[in-house]
Amino acid sequence: MHGVDNGVVSLQDELTGQTLAVKPKVVVNAAGPWIDFANDRFAEKTRFIGGTKGSHLVIDNPALHAATQGHELFFENTDGRICLFFPLQDKVLVGTTDIPIEDPDDAICTDDEITYMLEMIRIVFPSIPVERSQIVFTFSGVRPLPATDAANPGQISRDHKIEVTQPGNGANFPVYSLIGGKWTTFRAFGEQVADKILRHLGQSREVDTHDMAIGGGRQYPQTGPDQMIWVKKLHAATGLPEERLRILFDRYGTYAEDVAAFLAAGEDSPLAAMPDYSRREIEFLATYEHIAHLDDLLLRRSLLAMLGYASHELIEEIAPIVGQVLDWSAEEMPVEIERTVQLLRSRHRIAE
């Protein structure tokens, strides 16, 4: 977004360079920790956000994984911070820190944070040695918390609210800034915002999504026997091996039905660098999951990078598959590979 003039918002597509102008009746600023930066483009100086950084480690340590016994563990660290261990397939997700940060673009997991979390593990499981070399992935996000004068980040409310900036400075529409919120509350928060916008527009809600399952949760079989029946039915429909379909079900939920139909419609083979995935599975993701860059697939459409599987061999193998779907030129392919390698190295400490 470039700015606003006389009620017209100027936007630019960063992928294509295309520009467009829209004249909104209301704007919802859901930019998370970047909310104040976005409001600045509306010539509205706000200080709604006082973000804190939370970093995480993904660790490949079988003993630590066994110690979780398949459960997420919450505990209070010695500094009062609530931390967690979470079994993530055969790895363990460990978190998290809570550090004030000014610019969300600067959020990376630092050496000090790694030391903090490794020491935290030693306190909880003193008999389980965990080495830095067992860290396969790191990531850091910024909580869009409200700006406060709290001395301790842990004292900042984790609730959510809507701040409304009234029309002015060339914008003849209100801006609704969404403060707070998190993964566990985003649907409830979204519903509250939608209700508020509908009232502003003089409209009423026609669809209630309160109990609506989404994605791979639609018509999800809840019990083990029901899941086996679901897999067998998909086997009968596609002819794919039940073992392969079970992997797809665990990975995508009931969305696996669409994935399996795509795999069965053409010749397929396992990836050499990651046999749990296949060439047509990567092609499916590139075709239907709105991928723009190679790192989208590794970091956001799959757990390949997070689980530590984003090797140079895998990146080199899947790049041509994605590139064929997205019609990359011979010049674009190495650029995408280098972009991905650099992102994994600089943002997630892979291949250091």
Foldseek 3Di string as FASTA:
>chain_A
DQAFALQKDWDADPQPRDIDIDRDQEAEQAVFQCSQVVVVRHVDRDQFFFKWKWKKFKFQAQVVLVVCVQHKDWDQFPVRDIWIWHRDPNIIITITDTGTDDDFVPHFQDPVGVVVRLVRCCVVPVPGDGDPVRTQWMFMGMFRFTDDPDPDSVPTDQDKDWDWDADDDRNNHIYTYIGHDDPVCVVVSVVVVVCVVCVVVVHDDDDDCPPPDDWLRVVFDDDPVSVLVVLVVLCVVQVDDSVLLVLLCVFGHNCSSVLSNQPSVDDWAADPLGRNDILSSLLVCLQPVPDDALLCCPPPVGCCSVNNSPDLSVLVRNLVSSCVNVVDDPVVSVVRSVVNVVCCCPRMVHPD
